[in-house]
Amino acid sequence: MQMTNQTDVLPADDLSRTATIVHADDPGLLHLGIGAGTYTVVISGDLTGGRYTMLDMFVPTGGPPPHRHDFEEIFHILEGELEITFRDEVHLVGPGQIINIPANAPHGFRVVSATPARFLCICLPSGQEEYFKLVGEVLPARTTPPTPPSPEVMTERRSIMLANAARFHSEFLPPRA
């Protein structure tokens, strides 16, 4: 096997970027109340040159409505169980399991365990964290539950989500029958 000179193939090391070591409970991380869950931005697109975002999601109940988007999404389940609907197929995933949702595929999830679900969500490329910033309530910690929204706040957040879905390459789908 002949080795090629890697400098002919790969760009130079970007010394302006550093390794990121983080714990989901580190001070200074952004914790956002989205629905019933708390989503912590552990690695933002700003740190990865836009290549990906990693969220630590703590969701006691529920889940998002059916949707799709033009980016890849990977869930690594740490605690609890999720029922993930992917193209009308239902999958039960639990601790230690990983599921990749291809770009543009219809999907959704809901917590089905008696205990909260905690999972890592990686979005490739980044940007989803910016969408969540528009509609999320800033919270003090990873496990702080969001404030139950009033009907007016819920309507406002829903309007913001729908108005910005296309900007963030997302589409909400009708609930499946």
N, C-alpha and C. Protein backbone atom coordinates (compact mmCIF):
# COMPACT_ATOMS: atom_id res chain seq x y z
N MET A 1 0.85 -1.17 0.00
CA MET A 1 0.00 0.00 0.00
C MET A 1 0.89 1.23 0.00
N GLN A 2 0.64 2.11 -0.93
CA GLN A 2 1.44 3.31 -1.05
C GLN A 2 0.81 4.43 -0.23
N MET A 3 1.58 5.08 0.59
CA MET A 3 1.10 6.19 1.42
C MET A 3 1.22 7.48 0.61
N THR A 4 0.17 8.29 0.64
CA THR A 4 0.25 9.58 -0.01
C THR A 4 0.68 10.61 1.01
N ASN A 5 1.22 11.66 0.54
CA ASN A 5 1.60 12.76 1.42
C ASN A 5 0.32 13.43 1.88
N GLN A 6 -0.01 13.30 3.17
CA GLN A 6 -1.28 13.81 3.68
C GLN A 6 -1.43 15.31 3.53
N THR A 7 -0.34 16.04 3.47
CA THR A 7 -0.46 17.48 3.30
C THR A 7 -1.01 17.83 1.93
N ASP A 8 -0.96 16.87 0.98
CA ASP A 8 -1.54 17.09 -0.33
C ASP A 8 -3.05 16.87 -0.29
N VAL A 9 -3.55 16.15 0.72
CA VAL A 9 -4.96 15.77 0.78
C VAL A 9 -5.71 16.54 1.87
N LEU A 10 -5.10 16.68 3.02
CA LEU A 10 -5.77 17.31 4.16
C LEU A 10 -5.32 18.75 4.34
N PRO A 11 -6.24 19.60 4.79
CA PRO A 11 -5.81 20.97 5.12
C PRO A 11 -4.93 20.95 6.37
N ALA A 12 -4.22 22.02 6.58
CA ALA A 12 -3.36 22.14 7.76
C ALA A 12 -4.22 22.15 9.02
N ASP A 13 -3.63 21.73 10.11
CA ASP A 13 -4.29 21.77 11.42
C ASP A 13 -4.68 23.21 11.72
N ASP A 14 -5.93 23.41 12.13
CA ASP A 14 -6.42 24.75 12.49
C ASP A 14 -6.10 24.98 13.96
N LEU A 15 -5.00 25.66 14.22
CA LEU A 15 -4.53 25.86 15.59
C LEU A 15 -5.41 26.83 16.39
N SER A 16 -6.35 27.49 15.71
CA SER A 16 -7.26 28.37 16.46
C SER A 16 -8.34 27.56 17.18
N ARG A 17 -8.50 26.28 16.79
CA ARG A 17 -9.49 25.42 17.45
C ARG A 17 -8.79 24.57 18.49
N THR A 18 -9.47 24.37 19.62
CA THR A 18 -8.90 23.57 20.69
C THR A 18 -9.80 22.39 21.00
N ALA A 19 -9.29 21.44 21.73
CA ALA A 19 -10.11 20.31 22.20
C ALA A 19 -11.12 20.86 23.20
N THR A 20 -12.31 20.28 23.22
CA THR A 20 -13.35 20.70 24.15
C THR A 20 -13.62 19.55 25.10
N ILE A 21 -13.47 19.81 26.38
CA ILE A 21 -13.78 18.84 27.42
C ILE A 21 -14.85 19.48 28.29
N VAL A 22 -15.99 18.81 28.37
CA VAL A 22 -17.12 19.42 29.05
C VAL A 22 -17.90 18.35 29.81
N HIS A 23 -18.54 18.76 30.87
CA HIS A 23 -19.47 17.92 31.63
C HIS A 23 -20.83 18.60 31.54
N ALA A 24 -21.89 17.84 31.37
CA ALA A 24 -23.23 18.40 31.18
C ALA A 24 -23.69 19.29 32.33
N ASP A 25 -23.06 19.18 33.49
CA ASP A 25 -23.42 20.02 34.63
C ASP A 25 -22.44 21.17 34.85
N ASP A 26 -21.52 21.39 33.92
CA ASP A 26 -20.55 22.49 34.06
C ASP A 26 -21.26 23.83 34.12
N PRO A 27 -20.76 24.75 34.96
CA PRO A 27 -21.33 26.10 34.98
C PRO A 27 -21.07 26.77 33.63
N GLY A 28 -21.97 27.63 33.26
CA GLY A 28 -21.78 28.38 32.03
C GLY A 28 -22.42 27.75 30.81
N LEU A 29 -22.86 26.50 30.90
CA LEU A 29 -23.54 25.89 29.76
C LEU A 29 -24.97 26.45 29.67
N LEU A 30 -25.50 26.45 28.47
CA LEU A 30 -26.85 26.94 28.24
C LEU A 30 -27.84 25.80 28.41
N HIS A 31 -28.80 25.98 29.33
CA HIS A 31 -29.86 25.01 29.59
C HIS A 31 -31.18 25.65 29.14
N LEU A 32 -31.89 24.97 28.25
CA LEU A 32 -33.11 25.53 27.69
C LEU A 32 -34.31 24.64 27.97
N GLY A 33 -35.39 25.24 28.47
CA GLY A 33 -36.63 24.51 28.63
C GLY A 33 -37.35 24.47 27.30
N ILE A 34 -37.51 23.26 26.77
CA ILE A 34 -38.22 23.05 25.50
C ILE A 34 -39.31 22.02 25.79
N GLY A 35 -40.57 22.40 25.66
CA GLY A 35 -41.66 21.50 26.03
C GLY A 35 -41.52 21.15 27.50
N ALA A 36 -41.58 19.86 27.82
CA ALA A 36 -41.43 19.41 29.21
C ALA A 36 -39.98 19.13 29.56
N GLY A 37 -39.08 19.23 28.57
CA GLY A 37 -37.69 18.85 28.79
C GLY A 37 -36.73 20.00 28.96
N THR A 38 -35.54 19.64 29.41
CA THR A 38 -34.44 20.60 29.53
C THR A 38 -33.32 20.13 28.61
N TYR A 39 -32.96 20.97 27.66
CA TYR A 39 -31.94 20.67 26.67
C TYR A 39 -30.71 21.51 26.99
N THR A 40 -29.60 20.84 27.25
CA THR A 40 -28.35 21.52 27.56
C THR A 40 -27.45 21.49 26.34
N VAL A 41 -26.99 22.65 25.91
CA VAL A 41 -26.07 22.73 24.78
C VAL A 41 -24.68 22.44 25.32
N VAL A 42 -24.20 21.20 25.14
CA VAL A 42 -22.89 20.83 25.67
C VAL A 42 -21.77 21.16 24.69
N ILE A 43 -22.04 21.03 23.40
CA ILE A 43 -21.07 21.43 22.38
C ILE A 43 -21.85 22.17 21.30
N SER A 44 -21.55 23.43 21.13
CA SER A 44 -22.27 24.24 20.15
C SER A 44 -21.54 24.23 18.81
N GLY A 45 -22.26 24.64 17.80
CA GLY A 45 -21.66 24.77 16.48
C GLY A 45 -20.52 25.76 16.45
N ASP A 46 -20.54 26.73 17.37
CA ASP A 46 -19.43 27.69 17.45
C ASP A 46 -18.12 26.99 17.79
N LEU A 47 -18.20 25.90 18.55
CA LEU A 47 -17.00 25.17 18.95
C LEU A 47 -16.53 24.17 17.91
N THR A 48 -17.40 23.84 16.95
CA THR A 48 -17.06 22.79 15.97
C THR A 48 -16.94 23.32 14.55
N GLY A 49 -16.88 24.62 14.41
CA GLY A 49 -16.83 25.19 13.08
C GLY A 49 -18.09 24.88 12.28
N GLY A 50 -19.22 24.70 12.99
CA GLY A 50 -20.49 24.42 12.34
C GLY A 50 -20.69 22.97 11.92
N ARG A 51 -19.75 22.11 12.26
CA ARG A 51 -19.84 20.72 11.82
C ARG A 51 -20.95 19.94 12.53
N TYR A 52 -21.12 20.19 13.84
CA TYR A 52 -22.18 19.51 14.60
C TYR A 52 -22.46 20.25 15.88
N THR A 53 -23.57 19.87 16.50
CA THR A 53 -23.98 20.34 17.82
C THR A 53 -24.30 19.11 18.65
N MET A 54 -23.98 19.16 19.95
CA MET A 54 -24.37 18.08 20.85
C MET A 54 -25.21 18.66 21.98
N LEU A 55 -26.38 18.05 22.19
CA LEU A 55 -27.28 18.46 23.26
C LEU A 55 -27.42 17.31 24.24
N ASP A 56 -27.50 17.62 25.52
CA ASP A 56 -27.83 16.65 26.56
C ASP A 56 -29.30 16.92 26.88
N MET A 57 -30.16 15.97 26.56
CA MET A 57 -31.60 16.18 26.70
C MET A 57 -32.13 15.40 27.91
N PHE A 58 -32.82 16.10 28.79
CA PHE A 58 -33.44 15.52 29.97
C PHE A 58 -34.94 15.74 29.82
N VAL A 59 -35.67 14.66 29.51
CA VAL A 59 -37.09 14.79 29.17
C VAL A 59 -37.91 13.87 30.07
N PRO A 60 -38.69 14.43 31.00
CA PRO A 60 -39.47 13.59 31.91
C PRO A 60 -40.70 12.96 31.27
N THR A 61 -41.28 13.65 30.29
CA THR A 61 -42.51 13.15 29.67
C THR A 61 -42.68 13.79 28.31
N GLY A 62 -43.46 13.14 27.48
CA GLY A 62 -43.79 13.73 26.19
C GLY A 62 -42.68 13.66 25.17
N GLY A 63 -42.75 14.56 24.20
CA GLY A 63 -41.79 14.63 23.12
C GLY A 63 -42.32 15.55 22.04
N PRO A 64 -41.52 15.79 21.01
CA PRO A 64 -41.93 16.73 19.96
C PRO A 64 -42.96 16.14 19.02
N PRO A 65 -43.70 16.99 18.34
CA PRO A 65 -44.64 16.49 17.33
C PRO A 65 -43.86 15.90 16.15
N PRO A 66 -44.53 15.13 15.31
CA PRO A 66 -43.83 14.60 14.13
C PRO A 66 -43.22 15.74 13.31
N HIS A 67 -42.01 15.52 12.84
CA HIS A 67 -41.30 16.56 12.10
C HIS A 67 -40.22 15.92 11.23
N ARG A 68 -39.56 16.76 10.45
CA ARG A 68 -38.39 16.33 9.69
C ARG A 68 -37.52 17.55 9.45
N HIS A 69 -36.27 17.32 9.13
CA HIS A 69 -35.33 18.41 8.89
C HIS A 69 -34.21 17.90 8.01
N ASP A 70 -33.46 18.83 7.44
CA ASP A 70 -32.44 18.43 6.46
C ASP A 70 -31.08 18.13 7.07
N PHE A 71 -31.02 17.84 8.35
CA PHE A 71 -29.75 17.47 8.98
C PHE A 71 -29.89 16.11 9.65
N GLU A 72 -28.76 15.44 9.79
CA GLU A 72 -28.72 14.15 10.48
C GLU A 72 -28.90 14.37 11.97
N GLU A 73 -29.51 13.41 12.63
CA GLU A 73 -29.73 13.50 14.07
C GLU A 73 -29.45 12.12 14.68
N ILE A 74 -28.61 12.10 15.69
CA ILE A 74 -28.25 10.85 16.36
C ILE A 74 -28.65 10.98 17.82
N PHE A 75 -29.35 9.97 18.33
CA PHE A 75 -29.70 9.91 19.75
C PHE A 75 -28.94 8.76 20.39
N HIS A 76 -28.26 9.04 21.50
CA HIS A 76 -27.62 8.01 22.31
C HIS A 76 -28.34 8.03 23.66
N ILE A 77 -29.08 6.97 23.94
CA ILE A 77 -29.92 6.92 25.14
C ILE A 77 -29.05 6.57 26.35
N LEU A 78 -29.11 7.42 27.37
CA LEU A 78 -28.36 7.21 28.61
C LEU A 78 -29.25 6.64 29.71
N GLU A 79 -30.48 7.14 29.82
CA GLU A 79 -31.42 6.72 30.87
C GLU A 79 -32.83 6.76 30.30
N GLY A 80 -33.71 5.90 30.82
CA GLY A 80 -35.10 5.90 30.39
C GLY A 80 -35.28 5.23 29.04
N GLU A 81 -36.51 5.31 28.55
CA GLU A 81 -36.83 4.70 27.26
C GLU A 81 -37.63 5.67 26.40
N LEU A 82 -37.32 5.64 25.12
CA LEU A 82 -38.04 6.45 24.15
C LEU A 82 -38.74 5.55 23.15
N GLU A 83 -39.90 5.96 22.75
CA GLU A 83 -40.56 5.36 21.60
C GLU A 83 -40.31 6.33 20.45
N ILE A 84 -39.54 5.88 19.48
CA ILE A 84 -39.19 6.73 18.35
C ILE A 84 -39.95 6.24 17.12
N THR A 85 -40.70 7.15 16.54
CA THR A 85 -41.40 6.83 15.30
C THR A 85 -40.55 7.36 14.16
N PHE A 86 -40.18 6.46 13.27
CA PHE A 86 -39.33 6.78 12.13
C PHE A 86 -40.02 6.24 10.88
N ARG A 87 -40.44 7.14 9.99
CA ARG A 87 -41.16 6.74 8.77
C ARG A 87 -42.29 5.74 9.08
N ASP A 88 -43.08 6.05 10.08
CA ASP A 88 -44.24 5.23 10.50
C ASP A 88 -43.86 3.90 11.14
N GLU A 89 -42.58 3.63 11.36
CA GLU A 89 -42.16 2.45 12.12
C GLU A 89 -41.87 2.91 13.54
N VAL A 90 -42.32 2.13 14.53
CA VAL A 90 -42.11 2.49 15.93
C VAL A 90 -40.98 1.64 16.49
N HIS A 91 -40.02 2.30 17.12
CA HIS A 91 -38.87 1.63 17.73
C HIS A 91 -38.79 2.02 19.20
N LEU A 92 -38.61 1.04 20.05
CA LEU A 92 -38.38 1.29 21.47
C LEU A 92 -36.88 1.26 21.70
N VAL A 93 -36.32 2.35 22.20
CA VAL A 93 -34.88 2.43 22.45
C VAL A 93 -34.63 2.78 23.90
N GLY A 94 -33.63 2.14 24.48
CA GLY A 94 -33.32 2.34 25.88
C GLY A 94 -31.84 2.55 26.11
N PRO A 95 -31.43 2.54 27.38
CA PRO A 95 -30.04 2.85 27.74
C PRO A 95 -29.03 2.03 26.94
N GLY A 96 -28.04 2.74 26.44
CA GLY A 96 -26.96 2.12 25.68
C GLY A 96 -27.24 2.03 24.20
N GLN A 97 -28.47 2.25 23.79
CA GLN A 97 -28.79 2.16 22.37
C GLN A 97 -28.62 3.52 21.70
N ILE A 98 -28.31 3.45 20.41
CA ILE A 98 -28.10 4.64 19.59
C ILE A 98 -28.95 4.49 18.34
N ILE A 99 -29.60 5.57 17.94
CA ILE A 99 -30.36 5.56 16.70
C ILE A 99 -29.97 6.78 15.89
N ASN A 100 -29.74 6.56 14.61
CA ASN A 100 -29.45 7.64 13.68
C ASN A 100 -30.70 7.91 12.85
N ILE A 101 -31.10 9.16 12.80
CA ILE A 101 -32.23 9.58 11.98
C ILE A 101 -31.65 10.29 10.76
N PRO A 102 -31.80 9.71 9.57
CA PRO A 102 -31.26 10.36 8.36
C PRO A 102 -31.95 11.69 8.08
N ALA A 103 -31.23 12.57 7.43
CA ALA A 103 -31.79 13.86 7.04
C ALA A 103 -33.06 13.65 6.22
N ASN A 104 -34.03 14.52 6.44
CA ASN A 104 -35.29 14.60 5.71
C ASN A 104 -36.30 13.50 6.04
N ALA A 105 -35.96 12.56 6.92
CA ALA A 105 -36.88 11.47 7.26
C ALA A 105 -37.88 11.92 8.32
N PRO A 106 -39.16 11.64 8.12
CA PRO A 106 -40.17 11.96 9.14
C PRO A 106 -39.91 11.15 10.42
N HIS A 107 -40.00 11.84 11.57
CA HIS A 107 -39.77 11.16 12.84
C HIS A 107 -40.33 11.98 14.00
N GLY A 108 -40.32 11.36 15.15
CA GLY A 108 -40.71 12.00 16.40
C GLY A 108 -40.38 11.03 17.52
N PHE A 109 -40.47 11.49 18.75
CA PHE A 109 -40.24 10.59 19.88
C PHE A 109 -41.13 10.99 21.03
N ARG A 110 -41.28 10.04 21.95
CA ARG A 110 -41.95 10.33 23.21
C ARG A 110 -41.35 9.43 24.28
N VAL A 111 -41.29 9.95 25.48
CA VAL A 111 -40.77 9.19 26.62
C VAL A 111 -41.84 8.18 27.02
N VAL A 112 -41.44 6.91 27.15
CA VAL A 112 -42.39 5.87 27.55
C VAL A 112 -42.00 5.22 28.88
N SER A 113 -40.87 5.59 29.44
CA SER A 113 -40.45 5.03 30.72
C SER A 113 -41.11 5.79 31.87
N ALA A 114 -41.17 5.12 33.02
CA ALA A 114 -41.74 5.75 34.22
C ALA A 114 -40.82 6.83 34.76
N THR A 115 -39.55 6.76 34.40
CA THR A 115 -38.57 7.75 34.82
C THR A 115 -38.19 8.63 33.64
N PRO A 116 -37.66 9.81 33.90
CA PRO A 116 -37.26 10.68 32.79
C PRO A 116 -36.24 10.01 31.88
N ALA A 117 -36.27 10.40 30.63
CA ALA A 117 -35.27 9.94 29.67
C ALA A 117 -34.16 10.98 29.61
N ARG A 118 -32.95 10.50 29.51
CA ARG A 118 -31.80 11.37 29.31
C ARG A 118 -31.03 10.79 28.13
N PHE A 119 -30.75 11.64 27.16
CA PHE A 119 -30.04 11.16 25.98
C PHE A 119 -29.24 12.30 25.36
N LEU A 120 -28.21 11.90 24.64
CA LEU A 120 -27.41 12.86 23.89
C LEU A 120 -27.99 12.93 22.49
N CYS A 121 -28.08 14.12 21.98
CA CYS A 121 -28.56 14.34 20.62
C CYS A 121 -27.47 15.08 19.87
N ILE A 122 -27.02 14.48 18.77
CA ILE A 122 -26.00 15.11 17.93
C ILE A 122 -26.68 15.49 16.62
N CYS A 123 -26.56 16.75 16.25
CA CYS A 123 -27.13 17.26 15.00
C CYS A 123 -25.98 17.63 14.07
N LEU A 124 -26.01 17.07 12.85
CA LEU A 124 -24.95 17.29 11.87
C LEU A 124 -25.53 17.84 10.58
N PRO A 125 -25.24 19.05 10.18
CA PRO A 125 -24.38 20.04 10.82
C PRO A 125 -25.12 20.75 11.97
N SER A 126 -24.43 21.69 12.56
CA SER A 126 -24.99 22.42 13.69
C SER A 126 -26.09 23.38 13.23
N GLY A 127 -26.71 24.01 14.18
CA GLY A 127 -27.74 25.01 13.91
C GLY A 127 -28.99 24.81 14.74
N GLN A 128 -29.26 23.57 15.12
CA GLN A 128 -30.48 23.30 15.88
C GLN A 128 -30.49 24.04 17.21
N GLU A 129 -29.32 24.22 17.80
CA GLU A 129 -29.26 24.94 19.07
C GLU A 129 -29.73 26.38 18.92
N GLU A 130 -29.50 26.97 17.75
CA GLU A 130 -29.95 28.34 17.51
C GLU A 130 -31.48 28.40 17.42
N TYR A 131 -32.06 27.39 16.83
CA TYR A 131 -33.52 27.29 16.76
C TYR A 131 -34.10 27.17 18.16
N PHE A 132 -33.52 26.30 18.98
CA PHE A 132 -34.01 26.12 20.35
C PHE A 132 -33.87 27.40 21.18
N LYS A 133 -32.85 28.19 20.92
CA LYS A 133 -32.68 29.45 21.65
C LYS A 133 -33.85 30.40 21.42
N LEU A 134 -34.46 30.32 20.24
CA LEU A 134 -35.59 31.21 19.93
C LEU A 134 -36.82 30.92 20.77
N VAL A 135 -37.01 29.64 21.12
CA VAL A 135 -38.26 29.25 21.78
C VAL A 135 -38.07 28.71 23.19
N GLY A 136 -36.83 28.52 23.59
CA GLY A 136 -36.58 27.92 24.89
C GLY A 136 -36.52 28.93 26.02
N GLU A 137 -36.85 28.45 27.18
CA GLU A 137 -36.74 29.22 28.42
C GLU A 137 -35.36 28.92 29.02
N VAL A 138 -34.56 29.94 29.27
CA VAL A 138 -33.24 29.72 29.88
C VAL A 138 -33.44 29.25 31.31
N LEU A 139 -32.78 28.14 31.65
CA LEU A 139 -32.91 27.53 32.98
C LEU A 139 -31.55 27.48 33.68
N PRO A 140 -31.54 27.39 35.02
CA PRO A 140 -30.27 27.44 35.75
C PRO A 140 -29.46 26.14 35.71
N ALA A 141 -30.10 24.98 35.46
CA ALA A 141 -29.35 23.72 35.54
C ALA A 141 -29.96 22.68 34.60
N ARG A 142 -29.20 21.64 34.34
CA ARG A 142 -29.59 20.58 33.40
C ARG A 142 -30.87 19.86 33.81
N THR A 143 -31.13 19.74 35.08
CA THR A 143 -32.31 19.00 35.54
C THR A 143 -33.44 19.91 36.02
N THR A 144 -33.30 21.22 35.85
CA THR A 144 -34.36 22.15 36.24
C THR A 144 -35.53 22.00 35.28
N PRO A 145 -36.72 21.71 35.79
CA PRO A 145 -37.86 21.60 34.87
C PRO A 145 -38.28 22.97 34.36
N PRO A 146 -38.74 23.02 33.12
CA PRO A 146 -39.25 24.29 32.60
C PRO A 146 -40.50 24.73 33.35
N THR A 147 -40.74 26.01 33.34
CA THR A 147 -41.97 26.54 33.92
C THR A 147 -43.14 26.10 33.03
N PRO A 148 -44.18 25.51 33.62
CA PRO A 148 -45.34 25.16 32.77
C PRO A 148 -45.86 26.43 32.10
N PRO A 149 -45.88 26.44 30.77
CA PRO A 149 -46.28 27.68 30.09
C PRO A 149 -47.79 27.92 30.15
N SER A 150 -48.15 29.17 30.24
CA SER A 150 -49.56 29.55 30.16
C SER A 150 -50.02 29.30 28.72
N PRO A 151 -51.32 29.24 28.49
CA PRO A 151 -51.79 29.07 27.11
C PRO A 151 -51.26 30.17 26.17
N GLU A 152 -51.14 31.39 26.69
CA GLU A 152 -50.64 32.49 25.86
C GLU A 152 -49.17 32.27 25.48
N VAL A 153 -48.36 31.84 26.45
CA VAL A 153 -46.94 31.58 26.18
C VAL A 153 -46.80 30.41 25.22
N MET A 154 -47.61 29.38 25.41
CA MET A 154 -47.57 28.21 24.52
C MET A 154 -47.91 28.63 23.09
N THR A 155 -48.92 29.46 22.93
CA THR A 155 -49.30 29.95 21.60
C THR A 155 -48.18 30.77 20.98
N GLU A 156 -47.54 31.62 21.79
CA GLU A 156 -46.44 32.45 21.30
C GLU A 156 -45.26 31.58 20.85
N ARG A 157 -44.89 30.58 21.67
CA ARG A 157 -43.76 29.71 21.31
C ARG A 157 -44.06 28.90 20.06
N ARG A 158 -45.29 28.40 19.96
CA ARG A 158 -45.70 27.64 18.77
C ARG A 158 -45.60 28.52 17.52
N SER A 159 -46.04 29.77 17.64
CA SER A 159 -45.96 30.70 16.51
C SER A 159 -44.52 30.95 16.10
N ILE A 160 -43.64 31.13 17.09
CA ILE A 160 -42.22 31.36 16.80
C ILE A 160 -41.62 30.12 16.12
N MET A 161 -41.95 28.94 16.64
CA MET A 161 -41.43 27.70 16.03
C MET A 161 -41.88 27.57 14.58
N LEU A 162 -43.15 27.77 14.33
CA LEU A 162 -43.67 27.62 12.97
C LEU A 162 -43.11 28.70 12.04
N ALA A 163 -43.01 29.92 12.54
CA ALA A 163 -42.51 31.01 11.71
C ALA A 163 -41.04 30.83 11.34
N ASN A 164 -40.29 30.10 12.16
CA ASN A 164 -38.85 29.94 11.92
C ASN A 164 -38.45 28.55 11.44
N ALA A 165 -39.41 27.65 11.28
CA ALA A 165 -39.09 26.28 10.90
C ALA A 165 -38.31 26.24 9.58
N ALA A 166 -38.79 26.92 8.56
CA ALA A 166 -38.11 26.88 7.26
C ALA A 166 -36.71 27.48 7.35
N ARG A 167 -36.57 28.54 8.12
CA ARG A 167 -35.24 29.16 8.30
C ARG A 167 -34.23 28.16 8.86
N PHE A 168 -34.70 27.25 9.71
CA PHE A 168 -33.83 26.25 10.32
C PHE A 168 -34.01 24.88 9.66
N HIS A 169 -34.52 24.88 8.43
CA HIS A 169 -34.59 23.68 7.60
C HIS A 169 -35.40 22.56 8.26
N SER A 170 -36.50 22.95 8.89
CA SER A 170 -37.37 22.00 9.58
C SER A 170 -38.80 22.13 9.10
N GLU A 171 -39.54 21.05 9.26
CA GLU A 171 -40.94 21.04 8.88
C GLU A 171 -41.71 20.20 9.90
N PHE A 172 -42.83 20.76 10.41
CA PHE A 172 -43.68 20.01 11.31
C PHE A 172 -44.74 19.30 10.48
N LEU A 173 -45.02 18.06 10.85
CA LEU A 173 -45.92 17.21 10.09
C LEU A 173 -47.20 16.96 10.87
N PRO A 174 -48.29 16.63 10.18
CA PRO A 174 -49.51 16.32 10.93
C PRO A 174 -49.31 15.06 11.77
N PRO A 175 -49.98 14.99 12.92
CA PRO A 175 -49.85 13.78 13.75
C PRO A 175 -50.30 12.56 12.95
N ARG A 176 -49.62 11.45 13.19
CA ARG A 176 -50.01 10.23 12.46
C ARG A 176 -51.28 9.64 13.07
N ALA A 177 -52.03 8.99 12.25
CA ALA A 177 -53.32 8.44 12.70
C ALA A 177 -53.14 7.21 13.55
